[in-house]
Amino acid sequence: MHIPIYTYASHTHTHNQQMRGKYYVLNCGSNYHGMIRQLVGEGGCGFVPRPIIICMNAQADRFRICPGWNEDEYNDCMDAKLPEPEREVKKQERKRKKELEEEERKQNEEKEKKEKEEEEKKRKEEEKKEEEKKRKEEEDKAAAAAQKSKDEMRRRLGIELRRLISSIDEKDM
C-alpha cells in the first residue's frame, strides 16, 4: 500500500505539534487520545518534563465526556451530568421506554405466532381441499370407468339380444 508523502508529513507534523504542549485536555475514552496520553505521560515523548493531562471522561458532572461504547454505561454517564431531580426523571423515562419496548416485542412475537398459526391453518385447509379434490377426481374416474363398463355391457347385451331375436325369427320362418 502506497501512502502519499504529504499525508505522512501532515500526520507527523500534527503529532509533533500535539506533543509540544504542557497542558493536555483529552477525551481519554477514544483510542487516539489514550495513545497521546500514554506517549506524553509515560513514554517520554513530551517536550516538558511534567505535562498536565486532563481526561474529560474522568471529570465530574457537566464537563464529563461520555464515550458511546456501551448504551448502559453511556446512559449512566449522561445521567451523572444531570441534577438529581432530572436524573430520576430520565431514569423513569428510560425505564418506561424499556417496558414499552418489551411489551411491543411481546406483542410482535404473539402477532407473528398468530400469523404463523393462521398460515399453517390455511396450508392445512388447502392440503385438505387438494386431497378432497384428488379423491373426487378418483371417484369421478372410477364412476366414469364403471359407466363405460356398463355401457359396453349394454352394447354387448344389445348385440346378443338382436342376434337371438334374429335367430328366432329365422326359425319361425
N, C-alpha and C. Protein backbone atom coordinates (compact mmCIF):
# COMPACT_ATOMS: atom_id res chain seq x y z
N MET A 1 0.84 -1.17 0.00
CA MET A 1 0.00 0.00 0.00
C MET A 1 0.89 1.24 0.00
N HIS A 2 0.62 2.14 -0.87
CA HIS A 2 1.42 3.34 -1.01
C HIS A 2 0.69 4.50 -0.33
N ILE A 3 1.38 5.18 0.62
CA ILE A 3 0.82 6.34 1.31
C ILE A 3 1.54 7.56 0.76
N PRO A 4 0.80 8.52 0.24
CA PRO A 4 1.44 9.73 -0.30
C PRO A 4 2.27 10.42 0.78
N ILE A 5 3.38 10.99 0.38
CA ILE A 5 4.33 11.61 1.31
C ILE A 5 3.70 12.80 2.06
N TYR A 6 2.82 13.57 1.37
CA TYR A 6 2.23 14.72 2.05
C TYR A 6 1.28 14.27 3.17
N THR A 7 0.62 13.10 3.01
CA THR A 7 -0.24 12.58 4.07
C THR A 7 0.61 12.20 5.27
N TYR A 8 1.70 11.52 5.02
CA TYR A 8 2.60 11.11 6.10
C TYR A 8 3.19 12.33 6.80
N ALA A 9 3.61 13.31 6.02
CA ALA A 9 4.22 14.52 6.58
C ALA A 9 3.19 15.28 7.42
N SER A 10 1.96 15.35 6.95
CA SER A 10 0.91 16.05 7.68
C SER A 10 0.64 15.36 9.01
N HIS A 11 0.59 14.05 8.98
CA HIS A 11 0.34 13.29 10.21
C HIS A 11 1.49 13.49 11.20
N THR A 12 2.69 13.40 10.71
CA THR A 12 3.86 13.55 11.57
C THR A 12 3.92 14.96 12.16
N HIS A 13 3.64 15.98 11.36
CA HIS A 13 3.64 17.36 11.83
C HIS A 13 2.57 17.56 12.90
N THR A 14 1.38 17.02 12.66
CA THR A 14 0.28 17.16 13.63
C THR A 14 0.67 16.49 14.94
N HIS A 15 1.22 15.31 14.84
CA HIS A 15 1.64 14.57 16.01
C HIS A 15 2.72 15.35 16.78
N ASN A 16 3.65 15.89 16.06
CA ASN A 16 4.74 16.66 16.65
C ASN A 16 4.17 17.87 17.40
N GLN A 17 3.22 18.57 16.78
CA GLN A 17 2.63 19.75 17.42
C GLN A 17 1.88 19.36 18.68
N GLN A 18 1.22 18.22 18.66
CA GLN A 18 0.46 17.79 19.83
C GLN A 18 1.37 17.42 21.00
N MET A 19 2.58 17.01 20.73
CA MET A 19 3.50 16.61 21.78
C MET A 19 4.19 17.80 22.46
N ARG A 20 4.06 19.02 21.95
CA ARG A 20 4.78 20.18 22.46
C ARG A 20 4.11 20.85 23.64
N GLY A 21 2.88 20.52 23.91
CA GLY A 21 2.15 21.26 24.96
C GLY A 21 2.51 20.85 26.37
N LYS A 22 2.15 21.76 27.29
CA LYS A 22 2.31 21.45 28.71
C LYS A 22 0.98 20.95 29.28
N TYR A 23 -0.11 21.48 28.76
CA TYR A 23 -1.44 21.09 29.22
C TYR A 23 -2.13 20.27 28.12
N TYR A 24 -2.69 19.16 28.51
CA TYR A 24 -3.40 18.28 27.56
C TYR A 24 -4.80 18.05 28.09
N VAL A 25 -5.78 18.48 27.34
CA VAL A 25 -7.18 18.21 27.66
C VAL A 25 -7.62 17.17 26.64
N LEU A 26 -7.80 15.95 27.12
CA LEU A 26 -8.05 14.83 26.22
C LEU A 26 -9.37 14.14 26.55
N ASN A 27 -9.95 13.55 25.53
CA ASN A 27 -11.08 12.65 25.71
C ASN A 27 -10.45 11.26 25.82
N CYS A 28 -10.15 10.83 27.00
CA CYS A 28 -9.42 9.57 27.17
C CYS A 28 -10.28 8.35 26.85
N GLY A 29 -11.51 8.59 26.43
CA GLY A 29 -12.36 7.48 26.02
C GLY A 29 -12.06 7.03 24.59
N SER A 30 -11.35 7.86 23.82
CA SER A 30 -11.01 7.46 22.45
C SER A 30 -9.62 6.83 22.44
N ASN A 31 -9.40 5.92 21.53
CA ASN A 31 -8.12 5.23 21.45
C ASN A 31 -6.99 6.19 21.09
N TYR A 32 -7.28 7.15 20.22
CA TYR A 32 -6.23 8.10 19.79
C TYR A 32 -5.76 8.94 20.97
N HIS A 33 -6.71 9.47 21.73
CA HIS A 33 -6.33 10.29 22.87
C HIS A 33 -5.67 9.46 23.95
N GLY A 34 -6.07 8.20 24.08
CA GLY A 34 -5.40 7.30 25.00
C GLY A 34 -3.94 7.10 24.62
N MET A 35 -3.69 7.01 23.30
CA MET A 35 -2.31 6.87 22.82
C MET A 35 -1.51 8.14 23.12
N ILE A 36 -2.09 9.30 22.87
CA ILE A 36 -1.42 10.58 23.15
C ILE A 36 -1.08 10.64 24.64
N ARG A 37 -2.05 10.29 25.48
CA ARG A 37 -1.83 10.31 26.93
C ARG A 37 -0.66 9.41 27.32
N GLN A 38 -0.63 8.22 26.75
CA GLN A 38 0.44 7.28 27.09
C GLN A 38 1.80 7.79 26.60
N LEU A 39 1.84 8.30 25.38
CA LEU A 39 3.11 8.78 24.84
C LEU A 39 3.64 9.98 25.64
N VAL A 40 2.77 10.92 25.98
CA VAL A 40 3.20 12.12 26.69
C VAL A 40 3.51 11.81 28.15
N GLY A 41 2.62 11.09 28.80
CA GLY A 41 2.77 10.87 30.24
C GLY A 41 3.76 9.80 30.61
N GLU A 42 3.85 8.75 29.84
CA GLU A 42 4.67 7.62 30.24
C GLU A 42 5.82 7.34 29.29
N GLY A 43 5.69 7.79 28.06
CA GLY A 43 6.68 7.41 27.06
C GLY A 43 7.81 8.40 26.89
N GLY A 44 7.75 9.52 27.57
CA GLY A 44 8.83 10.49 27.46
C GLY A 44 8.83 11.24 26.14
N CYS A 45 7.70 11.30 25.45
CA CYS A 45 7.64 11.97 24.14
C CYS A 45 7.29 13.44 24.28
N GLY A 46 6.96 13.90 25.45
CA GLY A 46 6.59 15.28 25.62
C GLY A 46 7.82 16.19 25.66
N PHE A 47 7.61 17.50 25.41
CA PHE A 47 8.70 18.46 25.42
C PHE A 47 8.90 19.09 26.79
N VAL A 48 7.96 18.85 27.70
CA VAL A 48 8.09 19.39 29.04
C VAL A 48 8.29 18.21 30.01
N PRO A 49 8.99 18.43 31.10
CA PRO A 49 9.28 17.31 32.00
C PRO A 49 8.03 16.71 32.66
N ARG A 50 7.09 17.53 33.07
CA ARG A 50 5.89 17.03 33.72
C ARG A 50 4.64 17.65 33.11
N PRO A 51 4.12 17.04 32.05
CA PRO A 51 2.91 17.61 31.43
C PRO A 51 1.69 17.39 32.31
N ILE A 52 0.72 18.27 32.17
CA ILE A 52 -0.53 18.15 32.93
C ILE A 52 -1.59 17.60 31.97
N ILE A 53 -2.09 16.43 32.30
CA ILE A 53 -3.05 15.75 31.43
C ILE A 53 -4.40 15.73 32.13
N ILE A 54 -5.41 16.26 31.46
CA ILE A 54 -6.77 16.28 31.99
C ILE A 54 -7.63 15.40 31.08
N CYS A 55 -8.17 14.34 31.65
CA CYS A 55 -9.08 13.46 30.88
C CYS A 55 -10.51 13.91 31.13
N MET A 56 -11.19 14.29 30.07
CA MET A 56 -12.55 14.81 30.20
C MET A 56 -13.54 13.74 30.65
N ASN A 57 -13.29 12.47 30.28
CA ASN A 57 -14.25 11.45 30.70
C ASN A 57 -14.09 11.09 32.17
N ALA A 58 -13.04 11.61 32.82
CA ALA A 58 -12.84 11.37 34.24
C ALA A 58 -13.26 12.58 35.07
N GLN A 59 -13.76 13.61 34.42
CA GLN A 59 -14.16 14.82 35.12
C GLN A 59 -15.54 14.66 35.75
N ALA A 60 -15.84 15.53 36.67
CA ALA A 60 -17.12 15.47 37.36
C ALA A 60 -18.20 16.16 36.53
N ASP A 61 -19.35 15.61 36.64
CA ASP A 61 -20.61 16.16 36.14
C ASP A 61 -20.58 16.70 34.72
N ARG A 62 -20.85 17.99 34.60
CA ARG A 62 -21.15 18.53 33.27
C ARG A 62 -19.97 18.60 32.33
N PHE A 63 -18.74 18.52 32.80
CA PHE A 63 -17.58 18.56 31.92
C PHE A 63 -17.16 17.17 31.46
N ARG A 64 -17.84 16.19 31.93
CA ARG A 64 -17.50 14.81 31.62
C ARG A 64 -17.88 14.47 30.18
N ILE A 65 -17.00 13.75 29.49
CA ILE A 65 -17.28 13.29 28.13
C ILE A 65 -17.64 11.82 28.23
N CYS A 66 -18.77 11.46 27.66
CA CYS A 66 -19.27 10.09 27.78
C CYS A 66 -19.05 9.33 26.47
N PRO A 67 -18.16 8.33 26.51
CA PRO A 67 -17.98 7.52 25.29
C PRO A 67 -19.22 6.67 25.06
N GLY A 68 -19.58 6.46 23.82
CA GLY A 68 -20.79 5.73 23.48
C GLY A 68 -20.54 4.27 23.18
N TRP A 69 -19.62 3.63 23.87
CA TRP A 69 -19.29 2.24 23.56
C TRP A 69 -20.38 1.28 24.01
N ASN A 70 -20.96 1.54 25.18
CA ASN A 70 -21.98 0.67 25.74
C ASN A 70 -23.17 1.55 26.11
N GLU A 71 -24.35 1.17 25.68
CA GLU A 71 -25.53 2.02 25.89
C GLU A 71 -25.80 2.27 27.37
N ASP A 72 -25.71 1.25 28.20
CA ASP A 72 -25.98 1.41 29.63
C ASP A 72 -24.95 2.33 30.28
N GLU A 73 -23.66 2.12 29.96
CA GLU A 73 -22.61 2.97 30.52
C GLU A 73 -22.77 4.41 30.05
N TYR A 74 -23.13 4.57 28.78
CA TYR A 74 -23.33 5.90 28.23
C TYR A 74 -24.48 6.61 28.96
N ASN A 75 -25.58 5.89 29.12
CA ASN A 75 -26.74 6.49 29.82
C ASN A 75 -26.39 6.85 31.25
N ASP A 76 -25.67 5.97 31.95
CA ASP A 76 -25.26 6.27 33.32
C ASP A 76 -24.37 7.51 33.36
N CYS A 77 -23.46 7.60 32.41
CA CYS A 77 -22.55 8.75 32.33
C CYS A 77 -23.33 10.04 32.07
N MET A 78 -24.26 9.97 31.13
CA MET A 78 -25.06 11.16 30.81
C MET A 78 -25.94 11.56 32.00
N ASP A 79 -26.46 10.56 32.72
CA ASP A 79 -27.29 10.85 33.88
C ASP A 79 -26.48 11.54 34.98
N ALA A 80 -25.21 11.18 35.10
CA ALA A 80 -24.37 11.78 36.14
C ALA A 80 -24.20 13.28 35.92
N LYS A 81 -24.38 13.75 34.70
CA LYS A 81 -24.25 15.18 34.40
C LYS A 81 -25.47 15.97 34.85
N LEU A 82 -26.58 15.30 35.04
CA LEU A 82 -27.83 15.99 35.35
C LEU A 82 -27.98 16.21 36.85
N PRO A 83 -28.76 17.25 37.22
CA PRO A 83 -29.11 17.42 38.63
C PRO A 83 -29.99 16.24 39.09
N GLU A 84 -30.02 15.99 40.37
CA GLU A 84 -30.71 14.81 40.92
C GLU A 84 -32.16 14.66 40.46
N PRO A 85 -33.00 15.72 40.52
CA PRO A 85 -34.41 15.51 40.09
C PRO A 85 -34.51 15.12 38.61
N GLU A 86 -33.74 15.78 37.78
CA GLU A 86 -33.77 15.45 36.35
C GLU A 86 -33.24 14.05 36.10
N ARG A 87 -32.25 13.64 36.88
CA ARG A 87 -31.66 12.31 36.74
C ARG A 87 -32.73 11.24 36.98
N GLU A 88 -33.52 11.43 38.05
CA GLU A 88 -34.58 10.46 38.37
C GLU A 88 -35.65 10.44 37.27
N VAL A 89 -35.99 11.62 36.75
CA VAL A 89 -36.98 11.69 35.66
C VAL A 89 -36.46 10.92 34.45
N LYS A 90 -35.20 11.13 34.10
CA LYS A 90 -34.60 10.43 32.95
C LYS A 90 -34.62 8.93 33.16
N LYS A 91 -34.25 8.49 34.37
CA LYS A 91 -34.24 7.06 34.66
C LYS A 91 -35.64 6.47 34.52
N GLN A 92 -36.64 7.21 35.04
CA GLN A 92 -38.02 6.73 34.93
C GLN A 92 -38.46 6.67 33.46
N GLU A 93 -38.09 7.70 32.69
CA GLU A 93 -38.42 7.71 31.26
C GLU A 93 -37.78 6.52 30.55
N ARG A 94 -36.51 6.28 30.85
CA ARG A 94 -35.80 5.17 30.23
C ARG A 94 -36.42 3.82 30.63
N LYS A 95 -36.81 3.72 31.90
CA LYS A 95 -37.44 2.50 32.39
C LYS A 95 -38.77 2.28 31.68
N ARG A 96 -39.59 3.33 31.55
CA ARG A 96 -40.87 3.22 30.83
C ARG A 96 -40.65 2.86 29.37
N LYS A 97 -39.63 3.46 28.78
CA LYS A 97 -39.33 3.16 27.38
C LYS A 97 -38.95 1.69 27.21
N LYS A 98 -38.12 1.16 28.11
CA LYS A 98 -37.74 -0.26 28.05
C LYS A 98 -38.95 -1.15 28.24
N GLU A 99 -39.83 -0.78 29.18
CA GLU A 99 -41.04 -1.57 29.40
C GLU A 99 -41.93 -1.57 28.16
N LEU A 100 -42.08 -0.38 27.54
CA LEU A 100 -42.88 -0.29 26.32
C LEU A 100 -42.26 -1.12 25.19
N GLU A 101 -40.93 -1.05 25.06
CA GLU A 101 -40.26 -1.82 24.03
C GLU A 101 -40.44 -3.31 24.27
N GLU A 102 -40.35 -3.73 25.53
CA GLU A 102 -40.54 -5.14 25.87
C GLU A 102 -41.97 -5.58 25.58
N GLU A 103 -42.92 -4.73 25.94
CA GLU A 103 -44.33 -5.04 25.65
C GLU A 103 -44.57 -5.12 24.15
N GLU A 104 -44.00 -4.18 23.41
CA GLU A 104 -44.14 -4.18 21.96
C GLU A 104 -43.49 -5.43 21.36
N ARG A 105 -42.33 -5.82 21.88
CA ARG A 105 -41.66 -7.03 21.40
C ARG A 105 -42.53 -8.26 21.65
N LYS A 106 -43.13 -8.34 22.85
CA LYS A 106 -44.02 -9.46 23.15
C LYS A 106 -45.23 -9.47 22.23
N GLN A 107 -45.81 -8.30 22.01
CA GLN A 107 -46.97 -8.21 21.11
C GLN A 107 -46.58 -8.65 19.70
N ASN A 108 -45.41 -8.21 19.25
CA ASN A 108 -44.95 -8.62 17.92
C ASN A 108 -44.74 -10.12 17.85
N GLU A 109 -44.17 -10.71 18.91
CA GLU A 109 -43.98 -12.16 18.93
C GLU A 109 -45.32 -12.88 18.88
N GLU A 110 -46.30 -12.39 19.67
CA GLU A 110 -47.63 -13.00 19.66
C GLU A 110 -48.27 -12.85 18.29
N LYS A 111 -48.13 -11.68 17.70
CA LYS A 111 -48.69 -11.44 16.37
C LYS A 111 -48.07 -12.38 15.35
N GLU A 112 -46.75 -12.51 15.40
CA GLU A 112 -46.06 -13.42 14.47
C GLU A 112 -46.49 -14.85 14.70
N LYS A 113 -46.67 -15.22 15.96
CA LYS A 113 -47.12 -16.58 16.28
C LYS A 113 -48.52 -16.82 15.72
N LYS A 114 -49.42 -15.84 15.91
CA LYS A 114 -50.78 -15.98 15.36
C LYS A 114 -50.74 -16.06 13.84
N GLU A 115 -49.91 -15.22 13.22
CA GLU A 115 -49.80 -15.25 11.76
C GLU A 115 -49.30 -16.60 11.28
N LYS A 116 -48.32 -17.17 11.98
CA LYS A 116 -47.81 -18.49 11.61
C LYS A 116 -48.88 -19.55 11.78
N GLU A 117 -49.63 -19.45 12.88
CA GLU A 117 -50.72 -20.40 13.11
C GLU A 117 -51.77 -20.29 12.01
N GLU A 118 -52.12 -19.05 11.64
CA GLU A 118 -53.10 -18.85 10.57
C GLU A 118 -52.59 -19.39 9.24
N GLU A 119 -51.32 -19.12 8.96
CA GLU A 119 -50.72 -19.65 7.72
C GLU A 119 -50.74 -21.17 7.72
N GLU A 120 -50.40 -21.76 8.87
CA GLU A 120 -50.40 -23.22 8.99
C GLU A 120 -51.82 -23.75 8.81
N LYS A 121 -52.79 -23.06 9.41
CA LYS A 121 -54.19 -23.47 9.27
C LYS A 121 -54.63 -23.38 7.81
N LYS A 122 -54.28 -22.28 7.14
CA LYS A 122 -54.63 -22.12 5.72
C LYS A 122 -53.96 -23.19 4.88
N ARG A 123 -52.70 -23.48 5.19
CA ARG A 123 -51.98 -24.51 4.43
C ARG A 123 -52.64 -25.86 4.60
N LYS A 124 -53.03 -26.17 5.84
CA LYS A 124 -53.71 -27.45 6.09
C LYS A 124 -55.06 -27.51 5.38
N GLU A 125 -55.78 -26.38 5.40
CA GLU A 125 -57.07 -26.34 4.69
C GLU A 125 -56.87 -26.53 3.19
N GLU A 126 -55.83 -25.89 2.65
CA GLU A 126 -55.55 -26.05 1.22
C GLU A 126 -55.16 -27.49 0.91
N GLU A 127 -54.35 -28.10 1.78
CA GLU A 127 -53.98 -29.50 1.58
C GLU A 127 -55.22 -30.39 1.65
N LYS A 128 -56.10 -30.09 2.60
CA LYS A 128 -57.34 -30.87 2.73
C LYS A 128 -58.20 -30.71 1.48
N LYS A 129 -58.32 -29.48 0.99
CA LYS A 129 -59.10 -29.24 -0.24
C LYS A 129 -58.47 -29.97 -1.41
N GLU A 130 -57.14 -29.94 -1.48
CA GLU A 130 -56.43 -30.62 -2.57
C GLU A 130 -56.66 -32.13 -2.49
N GLU A 131 -56.58 -32.69 -1.29
CA GLU A 131 -56.84 -34.11 -1.12
C GLU A 131 -58.28 -34.45 -1.49
N GLU A 132 -59.21 -33.60 -1.07
CA GLU A 132 -60.63 -33.80 -1.40
C GLU A 132 -60.83 -33.74 -2.91
N LYS A 133 -60.15 -32.81 -3.54
CA LYS A 133 -60.25 -32.66 -4.99
C LYS A 133 -59.70 -33.92 -5.68
N LYS A 134 -58.55 -34.40 -5.22
CA LYS A 134 -57.98 -35.62 -5.81
C LYS A 134 -58.89 -36.82 -5.59
N ARG A 135 -59.44 -36.95 -4.36
CA ARG A 135 -60.36 -38.04 -4.07
C ARG A 135 -61.60 -37.97 -4.97
N LYS A 136 -62.11 -36.74 -5.16
CA LYS A 136 -63.28 -36.54 -6.02
C LYS A 136 -62.95 -36.92 -7.46
N GLU A 137 -61.74 -36.51 -7.92
CA GLU A 137 -61.34 -36.87 -9.29
C GLU A 137 -61.23 -38.38 -9.45
N GLU A 138 -60.67 -39.05 -8.44
CA GLU A 138 -60.55 -40.50 -8.49
C GLU A 138 -61.92 -41.16 -8.49
N GLU A 139 -62.84 -40.64 -7.67
CA GLU A 139 -64.21 -41.16 -7.66
C GLU A 139 -64.87 -40.94 -9.01
N ASP A 140 -64.67 -39.76 -9.59
CA ASP A 140 -65.25 -39.47 -10.91
C ASP A 140 -64.68 -40.40 -11.97
N LYS A 141 -63.36 -40.64 -11.89
CA LYS A 141 -62.74 -41.56 -12.86
C LYS A 141 -63.30 -42.97 -12.68
N ALA A 142 -63.44 -43.39 -11.41
CA ALA A 142 -63.99 -44.72 -11.15
C ALA A 142 -65.44 -44.80 -11.63
N ALA A 143 -66.21 -43.74 -11.38
CA ALA A 143 -67.61 -43.71 -11.83
C ALA A 143 -67.67 -43.72 -13.35
N ALA A 144 -66.77 -42.96 -13.99
CA ALA A 144 -66.75 -42.93 -15.47
C ALA A 144 -66.37 -44.31 -16.01
N ALA A 145 -65.39 -44.95 -15.38
CA ALA A 145 -64.98 -46.29 -15.81
C ALA A 145 -66.13 -47.28 -15.61
N ALA A 146 -66.84 -47.17 -14.49
CA ALA A 146 -67.99 -48.06 -14.23
C ALA A 146 -69.08 -47.81 -15.25
N GLN A 147 -69.34 -46.54 -15.55
CA GLN A 147 -70.37 -46.20 -16.54
C GLN A 147 -69.99 -46.73 -17.91
N LYS A 148 -68.71 -46.57 -18.24
CA LYS A 148 -68.22 -47.06 -19.53
C LYS A 148 -68.37 -48.58 -19.58
N SER A 149 -68.06 -49.23 -18.48
CA SER A 149 -68.20 -50.69 -18.42
C SER A 149 -69.66 -51.10 -18.57
N LYS A 150 -70.56 -50.35 -17.92
CA LYS A 150 -71.99 -50.63 -18.05
C LYS A 150 -72.46 -50.43 -19.48
N ASP A 151 -72.01 -49.34 -20.08
CA ASP A 151 -72.39 -49.05 -21.46
C ASP A 151 -71.89 -50.15 -22.40
N GLU A 152 -70.67 -50.59 -22.18
CA GLU A 152 -70.11 -51.67 -23.01
C GLU A 152 -70.91 -52.95 -22.81
N MET A 153 -71.29 -53.24 -21.57
CA MET A 153 -72.08 -54.42 -21.27
C MET A 153 -73.45 -54.33 -21.94
N ARG A 154 -74.07 -53.16 -21.88
CA ARG A 154 -75.37 -52.97 -22.52
C ARG A 154 -75.26 -53.14 -24.03
N ARG A 155 -74.18 -52.59 -24.60
CA ARG A 155 -73.99 -52.73 -26.04
C ARG A 155 -73.85 -54.19 -26.41
N ARG A 156 -73.05 -54.94 -25.64
CA ARG A 156 -72.86 -56.35 -25.94
C ARG A 156 -74.18 -57.14 -25.76
N LEU A 157 -74.89 -56.77 -24.67
CA LEU A 157 -76.17 -57.44 -24.46
C LEU A 157 -77.15 -57.11 -25.58
N GLY A 158 -77.10 -55.86 -26.03
CA GLY A 158 -77.98 -55.46 -27.15
C GLY A 158 -77.64 -56.25 -28.40
N ILE A 159 -76.37 -56.41 -28.69
CA ILE A 159 -75.95 -57.17 -29.87
C ILE A 159 -76.38 -58.62 -29.73
N GLU A 160 -76.15 -59.17 -28.55
CA GLU A 160 -76.51 -60.57 -28.30
C GLU A 160 -78.02 -60.75 -28.39
N LEU A 161 -78.74 -59.79 -27.85
CA LEU A 161 -80.20 -59.87 -27.91
C LEU A 161 -80.69 -59.79 -29.34
N ARG A 162 -80.15 -58.93 -30.16
CA ARG A 162 -80.53 -58.82 -31.57
C ARG A 162 -80.23 -60.13 -32.31
N ARG A 163 -79.09 -60.69 -32.00
CA ARG A 163 -78.72 -61.93 -32.65
C ARG A 163 -79.71 -63.06 -32.27
N LEU A 164 -80.06 -63.09 -30.99
CA LEU A 164 -81.03 -64.10 -30.57
C LEU A 164 -82.38 -63.89 -31.24
N ILE A 165 -82.80 -62.63 -31.29
CA ILE A 165 -84.08 -62.32 -31.93
C ILE A 165 -84.04 -62.69 -33.40
N SER A 166 -82.94 -62.36 -34.05
CA SER A 166 -82.85 -62.69 -35.48
C SER A 166 -82.78 -64.20 -35.67
N SER A 167 -82.16 -64.94 -34.76
CA SER A 167 -82.14 -66.42 -34.91
C SER A 167 -83.51 -66.98 -34.66
N ILE A 168 -84.27 -66.41 -33.76
CA ILE A 168 -85.63 -66.88 -33.51
C ILE A 168 -86.50 -66.56 -34.71
N ASP A 169 -86.33 -65.43 -35.26
CA ASP A 169 -87.11 -65.03 -36.44
C ASP A 169 -86.80 -65.95 -37.62
N GLU A 170 -85.57 -66.38 -37.74
CA GLU A 170 -85.18 -67.25 -38.85
C GLU A 170 -85.82 -68.63 -38.67
N LYS A 171 -85.91 -69.09 -37.43
CA LYS A 171 -86.51 -70.38 -37.18
C LYS A 171 -88.00 -70.34 -37.47
N ASP A 172 -88.62 -69.27 -37.15
CA ASP A 172 -90.05 -69.14 -37.38
C ASP A 172 -90.35 -69.02 -38.86
N MET A 173 -89.55 -68.68 -39.57
CA MET A 173 -89.83 -68.50 -40.97
C MET A 173 -89.58 -69.74 -41.66
